[in-house]
Amino acid sequence: MRIVFRTSNVIVTVEYSVQPSLPGVIPSSTETQDRARQLAQALVERFNA
């Protein structure tokens, strides 16, 4: 999954991949998207600090 966003004159690309902790268990795409968005939001907050 790739998220690209711009904040404070900076363009950020986040590439998020999931490696399941248990073989054969793949997290749902909704869960993966939520985690990627949370990571992107955390980065925005650090840039804006």
Protein backbone atom coordinates (compact mmCIF):
# COMPACT_ATOMS: atom_id res chain seq x y z
CA MET A 1 0.00 0.00 0.00
CA ARG A 2 1.29 3.46 -0.81
CA ILE A 3 0.08 6.74 0.66
CA VAL A 4 1.36 10.04 -0.71
CA PHE A 5 0.58 13.34 1.00
CA ARG A 6 1.88 16.87 1.22
CA THR A 7 2.39 18.84 4.38
CA SER A 8 4.35 22.01 5.04
CA ASN A 9 6.08 22.07 1.64
CA VAL A 10 7.10 18.42 1.99
CA ILE A 11 5.82 15.55 -0.14
CA VAL A 12 5.81 12.28 1.79
CA THR A 13 5.42 8.80 0.36
CA VAL A 14 4.69 5.99 2.80
CA GLU A 15 5.00 2.45 1.52
CA TYR A 16 3.39 0.07 3.97
CA SER A 17 3.64 -3.69 3.66
CA VAL A 18 2.41 -6.35 6.03
CA GLN A 19 4.24 -9.48 7.03
CA PRO A 20 1.83 -11.72 8.94
CA SER A 21 3.03 -12.97 12.32
CA LEU A 22 1.32 -16.31 11.72
CA PRO A 23 1.91 -18.17 8.46
CA GLY A 24 -1.15 -18.11 6.22
CA VAL A 25 -2.92 -15.39 8.22
CA ILE A 26 -3.33 -12.21 6.19
CA PRO A 27 -4.80 -9.11 7.86
CA SER A 28 -7.84 -7.57 6.22
CA SER A 29 -7.27 -4.74 3.77
CA THR A 30 -9.30 -2.45 6.04
CA GLU A 31 -6.94 -3.15 8.94
CA THR A 32 -3.89 -2.59 6.72
CA GLN A 33 -5.31 0.68 5.38
CA ASP A 34 -6.13 1.89 8.89
CA ARG A 35 -2.60 1.20 10.10
CA ALA A 36 -1.07 2.95 7.09
CA ARG A 37 -3.29 5.99 7.68
CA GLN A 38 -2.32 6.05 11.37
CA LEU A 39 1.35 6.00 10.39
CA ALA A 40 0.81 8.82 7.90
CA GLN A 41 -1.07 10.87 10.52
CA ALA A 42 1.75 10.37 13.02
CA LEU A 43 4.23 11.63 10.43
CA VAL A 44 2.07 14.70 9.73
CA GLU A 45 1.99 15.50 13.43
CA ARG A 46 5.80 15.26 13.63
CA PHE A 47 6.23 17.56 10.62
CA ASN A 48 3.83 20.08 12.10
CA ALA A 49 5.50 20.07 15.55
